[in-house]
Amino acid sequence: MLLPTDLWVSALIRRAEQAGAFAYVLKKGDARAGAVILKITHLREGETYILRQVSAGDEVKWIKPITSHDSEVIESYIERERRFDADLWVVELEDTEGRHFLTESIQLL
């Protein structure tokens, strides 16, 4: 990521809020180089999913690491990742349309 993580997260939250969504940091990680998990809730559908940031050299990609929409499975995944990587950020987005507000591409596993 070219920007420090804290600045990138602030910009994402601002982008989401300007579009009428709710966005907030659940867990802060390393301000300069922490990876990010987005927890996205589609308010109309009542479904939640997550996207995980991964780095491949200088390139940053986003993946959907699990397909489950079950809140217990999602929380378990997030906690497991946080135990593995204490620098990890967790950002929650709540939107009536379920948008993620990313400009980067997303790969489905």
N, C-alpha and C. Protein backbone atom coordinates (compact mmCIF):
# COMPACT_ATOMS: atom_id res chain seq x y z
N MET A 1 0.86 -1.17 0.00
CA MET A 1 0.00 0.00 0.00
C MET A 1 0.90 1.23 0.00
N LEU A 2 0.60 2.17 -0.86
CA LEU A 2 1.42 3.36 -0.96
C LEU A 2 1.19 4.33 0.18
N LEU A 3 -0.02 4.40 0.68
CA LEU A 3 -0.34 5.29 1.79
C LEU A 3 -0.20 4.55 3.11
N PRO A 4 0.11 5.28 4.18
CA PRO A 4 0.06 4.63 5.49
C PRO A 4 -1.37 4.12 5.74
N THR A 5 -1.48 3.02 6.44
CA THR A 5 -2.79 2.39 6.64
C THR A 5 -3.78 3.32 7.32
N ASP A 6 -3.36 4.06 8.32
CA ASP A 6 -4.30 4.93 9.02
C ASP A 6 -4.90 5.99 8.10
N LEU A 7 -4.10 6.52 7.20
CA LEU A 7 -4.59 7.51 6.23
C LEU A 7 -5.53 6.85 5.22
N TRP A 8 -5.17 5.65 4.75
CA TRP A 8 -6.01 4.93 3.80
C TRP A 8 -7.36 4.60 4.42
N VAL A 9 -7.36 4.13 5.68
CA VAL A 9 -8.61 3.80 6.37
C VAL A 9 -9.46 5.05 6.54
N SER A 10 -8.86 6.16 6.91
CA SER A 10 -9.61 7.42 7.05
C SER A 10 -10.28 7.83 5.74
N ALA A 11 -9.56 7.67 4.64
CA ALA A 11 -10.12 8.01 3.32
C ALA A 11 -11.27 7.09 2.96
N LEU A 12 -11.14 5.80 3.25
CA LEU A 12 -12.23 4.85 2.97
C LEU A 12 -13.47 5.19 3.80
N ILE A 13 -13.28 5.48 5.06
CA ILE A 13 -14.40 5.84 5.92
C ILE A 13 -15.08 7.11 5.41
N ARG A 14 -14.29 8.09 5.02
CA ARG A 14 -14.87 9.34 4.49
C ARG A 14 -15.66 9.07 3.21
N ARG A 15 -15.10 8.24 2.31
CA ARG A 15 -15.79 7.89 1.06
C ARG A 15 -17.12 7.21 1.35
N ALA A 16 -17.13 6.29 2.30
CA ALA A 16 -18.36 5.58 2.65
C ALA A 16 -19.39 6.54 3.27
N GLU A 17 -18.95 7.37 4.18
CA GLU A 17 -19.87 8.30 4.83
C GLU A 17 -20.44 9.31 3.86
N GLN A 18 -19.65 9.77 2.91
CA GLN A 18 -20.15 10.72 1.91
C GLN A 18 -21.21 10.07 1.03
N ALA A 19 -21.17 8.75 0.90
CA ALA A 19 -22.16 8.03 0.09
C ALA A 19 -23.37 7.60 0.92
N GLY A 20 -23.39 7.98 2.21
CA GLY A 20 -24.54 7.68 3.06
C GLY A 20 -24.43 6.40 3.86
N ALA A 21 -23.27 5.77 3.87
CA ALA A 21 -23.07 4.54 4.63
C ALA A 21 -22.50 4.87 6.01
N PHE A 22 -22.51 3.89 6.88
CA PHE A 22 -21.87 4.00 8.19
C PHE A 22 -20.55 3.25 8.12
N ALA A 23 -19.51 3.82 8.68
CA ALA A 23 -18.20 3.18 8.65
C ALA A 23 -17.44 3.52 9.92
N TYR A 24 -16.78 2.52 10.49
CA TYR A 24 -16.01 2.76 11.70
C TYR A 24 -14.95 1.68 11.87
N VAL A 25 -13.95 2.02 12.65
CA VAL A 25 -12.84 1.10 12.94
C VAL A 25 -13.22 0.24 14.14
N LEU A 26 -13.21 -1.08 13.95
CA LEU A 26 -13.45 -2.00 15.06
C LEU A 26 -12.17 -2.31 15.82
N LYS A 27 -11.07 -2.48 15.07
CA LYS A 27 -9.77 -2.77 15.66
C LYS A 27 -8.70 -2.01 14.90
N LYS A 28 -7.86 -1.30 15.64
CA LYS A 28 -6.74 -0.60 15.01
C LYS A 28 -5.52 -1.50 14.98
N GLY A 29 -4.80 -1.41 13.89
CA GLY A 29 -3.55 -2.14 13.77
C GLY A 29 -2.40 -1.16 13.64
N ASP A 30 -1.34 -1.60 12.98
CA ASP A 30 -0.19 -0.74 12.76
C ASP A 30 -0.57 0.43 11.87
N ALA A 31 -0.27 1.64 12.32
CA ALA A 31 -0.67 2.85 11.59
C ALA A 31 0.00 2.99 10.24
N ARG A 32 1.18 2.45 10.09
CA ARG A 32 1.93 2.63 8.85
C ARG A 32 1.75 1.50 7.86
N ALA A 33 1.72 0.26 8.35
CA ALA A 33 1.77 -0.86 7.40
C ALA A 33 0.86 -2.02 7.76
N GLY A 34 -0.18 -1.80 8.53
CA GLY A 34 -1.08 -2.89 8.88
C GLY A 34 -1.99 -3.26 7.72
N ALA A 35 -2.27 -4.55 7.58
CA ALA A 35 -3.24 -5.01 6.58
C ALA A 35 -4.64 -4.71 7.10
N VAL A 36 -5.64 -4.85 6.23
CA VAL A 36 -7.01 -4.47 6.58
C VAL A 36 -7.99 -5.59 6.23
N ILE A 37 -8.93 -5.82 7.12
CA ILE A 37 -10.10 -6.64 6.85
C ILE A 37 -11.30 -5.71 6.86
N LEU A 38 -12.14 -5.82 5.85
CA LEU A 38 -13.39 -5.06 5.81
C LEU A 38 -14.54 -6.00 6.14
N LYS A 39 -15.34 -5.61 7.08
CA LYS A 39 -16.55 -6.35 7.43
C LYS A 39 -17.72 -5.53 6.89
N ILE A 40 -18.38 -6.05 5.87
CA ILE A 40 -19.40 -5.28 5.16
C ILE A 40 -20.78 -5.87 5.41
N THR A 41 -21.70 -5.02 5.87
CA THR A 41 -23.06 -5.46 6.12
C THR A 41 -23.99 -4.78 5.12
N HIS A 42 -24.71 -5.62 4.39
CA HIS A 42 -25.74 -5.17 3.45
C HIS A 42 -27.02 -5.05 4.28
N LEU A 43 -27.39 -3.83 4.64
CA LEU A 43 -28.49 -3.61 5.57
C LEU A 43 -29.84 -4.09 5.04
N ARG A 44 -30.12 -3.91 3.76
CA ARG A 44 -31.41 -4.37 3.20
C ARG A 44 -31.53 -5.88 3.19
N GLU A 45 -30.44 -6.56 2.86
CA GLU A 45 -30.44 -8.02 2.77
C GLU A 45 -30.19 -8.68 4.13
N GLY A 46 -29.60 -7.93 5.05
CA GLY A 46 -29.27 -8.48 6.35
C GLY A 46 -28.10 -9.45 6.30
N GLU A 47 -27.26 -9.33 5.28
CA GLU A 47 -26.11 -10.22 5.12
C GLU A 47 -24.81 -9.48 5.38
N THR A 48 -23.86 -10.20 5.92
CA THR A 48 -22.53 -9.66 6.17
C THR A 48 -21.51 -10.53 5.46
N TYR A 49 -20.47 -9.89 4.92
CA TYR A 49 -19.36 -10.61 4.32
C TYR A 49 -18.08 -9.86 4.62
N ILE A 50 -16.96 -10.51 4.38
CA ILE A 50 -15.69 -9.84 4.64
C ILE A 50 -14.81 -9.88 3.40
N LEU A 51 -13.94 -8.87 3.34
CA LEU A 51 -12.90 -8.79 2.33
C LEU A 51 -11.58 -8.61 3.06
N ARG A 52 -10.56 -9.26 2.56
CA ARG A 52 -9.23 -9.25 3.20
C ARG A 52 -8.21 -8.69 2.23
N GLN A 53 -7.42 -7.77 2.71
CA GLN A 53 -6.35 -7.19 1.90
C GLN A 53 -5.15 -8.13 1.91
N VAL A 54 -4.60 -8.37 0.72
CA VAL A 54 -3.38 -9.18 0.61
C VAL A 54 -2.40 -8.43 -0.28
N SER A 55 -1.13 -8.61 -0.01
CA SER A 55 -0.09 -7.96 -0.80
C SER A 55 0.63 -8.99 -1.63
N ALA A 56 0.86 -8.64 -2.89
CA ALA A 56 1.66 -9.47 -3.80
C ALA A 56 2.75 -8.56 -4.36
N GLY A 57 3.88 -8.50 -3.66
CA GLY A 57 4.93 -7.58 -4.06
C GLY A 57 4.49 -6.15 -3.79
N ASP A 58 4.51 -5.33 -4.82
CA ASP A 58 4.07 -3.93 -4.68
C ASP A 58 2.58 -3.77 -4.93
N GLU A 59 1.92 -4.85 -5.32
CA GLU A 59 0.50 -4.78 -5.67
C GLU A 59 -0.37 -5.19 -4.48
N VAL A 60 -1.44 -4.43 -4.26
CA VAL A 60 -2.40 -4.74 -3.20
C VAL A 60 -3.65 -5.27 -3.86
N LYS A 61 -4.14 -6.41 -3.35
CA LYS A 61 -5.37 -7.01 -3.87
C LYS A 61 -6.32 -7.25 -2.71
N TRP A 62 -7.55 -7.47 -3.06
CA TRP A 62 -8.57 -7.80 -2.07
C TRP A 62 -9.17 -9.14 -2.44
N ILE A 63 -9.37 -9.97 -1.42
CA ILE A 63 -9.98 -11.28 -1.63
C ILE A 63 -11.16 -11.44 -0.69
N LYS A 64 -12.04 -12.34 -1.06
CA LYS A 64 -13.13 -12.73 -0.17
C LYS A 64 -12.71 -14.09 0.40
N PRO A 65 -12.11 -14.09 1.60
CA PRO A 65 -11.48 -15.30 2.12
C PRO A 65 -12.44 -16.41 2.54
N ILE A 66 -13.65 -16.05 2.90
CA ILE A 66 -14.66 -17.05 3.25
C ILE A 66 -15.97 -16.68 2.58
N THR A 67 -16.75 -17.68 2.27
CA THR A 67 -18.02 -17.43 1.57
C THR A 67 -19.21 -17.34 2.53
N SER A 68 -19.01 -17.72 3.76
CA SER A 68 -20.09 -17.74 4.74
C SER A 68 -20.56 -16.33 5.08
N HIS A 69 -21.87 -16.21 5.31
CA HIS A 69 -22.46 -14.96 5.78
C HIS A 69 -22.84 -15.07 7.26
N ASP A 70 -22.52 -16.21 7.87
CA ASP A 70 -22.84 -16.46 9.26
C ASP A 70 -21.95 -15.60 10.16
N SER A 71 -22.56 -14.85 11.06
CA SER A 71 -21.81 -13.91 11.90
C SER A 71 -20.79 -14.61 12.80
N GLU A 72 -21.11 -15.79 13.30
CA GLU A 72 -20.16 -16.51 14.15
C GLU A 72 -18.93 -16.95 13.35
N VAL A 73 -19.13 -17.42 12.13
CA VAL A 73 -18.02 -17.83 11.28
C VAL A 73 -17.15 -16.61 10.94
N ILE A 74 -17.79 -15.50 10.64
CA ILE A 74 -17.05 -14.28 10.30
C ILE A 74 -16.24 -13.79 11.50
N GLU A 75 -16.86 -13.73 12.66
CA GLU A 75 -16.14 -13.26 13.86
C GLU A 75 -15.00 -14.20 14.22
N SER A 76 -15.22 -15.49 14.06
CA SER A 76 -14.16 -16.47 14.33
C SER A 76 -12.98 -16.26 13.39
N TYR A 77 -13.26 -16.03 12.11
CA TYR A 77 -12.20 -15.78 11.14
C TYR A 77 -11.42 -14.52 11.51
N ILE A 78 -12.12 -13.45 11.84
CA ILE A 78 -11.46 -12.19 12.18
C ILE A 78 -10.58 -12.36 13.42
N GLU A 79 -11.08 -13.02 14.45
CA GLU A 79 -10.29 -13.22 15.67
C GLU A 79 -9.07 -14.09 15.41
N ARG A 80 -9.23 -15.11 14.59
CA ARG A 80 -8.09 -15.97 14.23
C ARG A 80 -7.02 -15.16 13.50
N GLU A 81 -7.43 -14.32 12.57
CA GLU A 81 -6.49 -13.48 11.84
C GLU A 81 -5.82 -12.45 12.75
N ARG A 82 -6.56 -11.90 13.70
CA ARG A 82 -5.99 -10.92 14.64
C ARG A 82 -4.96 -11.57 15.55
N ARG A 83 -5.21 -12.83 15.95
CA ARG A 83 -4.22 -13.54 16.78
C ARG A 83 -2.94 -13.77 15.99
N PHE A 84 -3.09 -14.03 14.70
CA PHE A 84 -1.95 -14.28 13.83
C PHE A 84 -1.21 -12.99 13.48
N ASP A 85 -1.95 -11.89 13.30
CA ASP A 85 -1.37 -10.62 12.85
C ASP A 85 -1.91 -9.48 13.73
N ALA A 86 -1.16 -9.11 14.75
CA ALA A 86 -1.58 -8.05 15.67
C ALA A 86 -1.63 -6.68 15.01
N ASP A 87 -1.00 -6.51 13.84
CA ASP A 87 -1.00 -5.24 13.12
C ASP A 87 -2.24 -5.05 12.25
N LEU A 88 -3.12 -6.02 12.24
CA LEU A 88 -4.29 -6.03 11.36
C LEU A 88 -5.35 -5.04 11.81
N TRP A 89 -5.89 -4.30 10.84
CA TRP A 89 -7.02 -3.40 11.07
C TRP A 89 -8.31 -4.13 10.71
N VAL A 90 -9.39 -3.81 11.43
CA VAL A 90 -10.72 -4.32 11.08
C VAL A 90 -11.64 -3.11 10.99
N VAL A 91 -12.22 -2.93 9.80
CA VAL A 91 -13.10 -1.79 9.54
C VAL A 91 -14.47 -2.33 9.16
N GLU A 92 -15.50 -1.81 9.80
CA GLU A 92 -16.86 -2.24 9.49
C GLU A 92 -17.56 -1.17 8.65
N LEU A 93 -18.23 -1.64 7.60
CA LEU A 93 -19.02 -0.79 6.72
C LEU A 93 -20.46 -1.30 6.74
N GLU A 94 -21.40 -0.42 6.99
CA GLU A 94 -22.82 -0.78 6.95
C GLU A 94 -23.47 0.10 5.89
N ASP A 95 -24.05 -0.56 4.89
CA ASP A 95 -24.61 0.18 3.75
C ASP A 95 -25.90 -0.48 3.30
N THR A 96 -26.88 0.32 2.91
CA THR A 96 -28.15 -0.24 2.46
C THR A 96 -28.00 -1.05 1.17
N GLU A 97 -26.94 -0.79 0.41
CA GLU A 97 -26.71 -1.51 -0.84
C GLU A 97 -25.58 -2.54 -0.73
N GLY A 98 -24.93 -2.63 0.41
CA GLY A 98 -23.85 -3.58 0.61
C GLY A 98 -22.57 -3.24 -0.13
N ARG A 99 -22.34 -1.96 -0.40
CA ARG A 99 -21.13 -1.54 -1.13
C ARG A 99 -19.90 -1.61 -0.24
N HIS A 100 -18.74 -1.84 -0.86
CA HIS A 100 -17.49 -1.93 -0.12
C HIS A 100 -16.64 -0.67 -0.26
N PHE A 101 -16.90 0.17 -1.22
CA PHE A 101 -16.23 1.46 -1.44
C PHE A 101 -14.75 1.35 -1.78
N LEU A 102 -14.32 0.18 -2.22
CA LEU A 102 -12.93 0.00 -2.67
C LEU A 102 -12.78 0.44 -4.11
N THR A 103 -11.63 0.92 -4.44
CA THR A 103 -11.33 1.24 -5.84
C THR A 103 -10.48 0.14 -6.47
N GLU A 104 -9.90 -0.72 -5.64
CA GLU A 104 -9.09 -1.83 -6.13
C GLU A 104 -9.98 -3.01 -6.53
N SER A 105 -9.42 -3.93 -7.31
CA SER A 105 -10.18 -5.09 -7.74
C SER A 105 -10.28 -6.12 -6.62
N ILE A 106 -11.29 -6.96 -6.71
CA ILE A 106 -11.52 -8.00 -5.72
C ILE A 106 -11.50 -9.35 -6.42
N GLN A 107 -10.77 -10.30 -5.83
CA GLN A 107 -10.70 -11.64 -6.37
C GLN A 107 -11.50 -12.58 -5.47
N LEU A 108 -12.33 -13.38 -6.08
CA LEU A 108 -13.06 -14.38 -5.31
C LEU A 108 -12.26 -15.66 -5.31
N LEU A 109 -12.17 -16.30 -4.16
CA LEU A 109 -11.43 -17.55 -4.06
C LEU A 109 -12.33 -18.72 -4.36
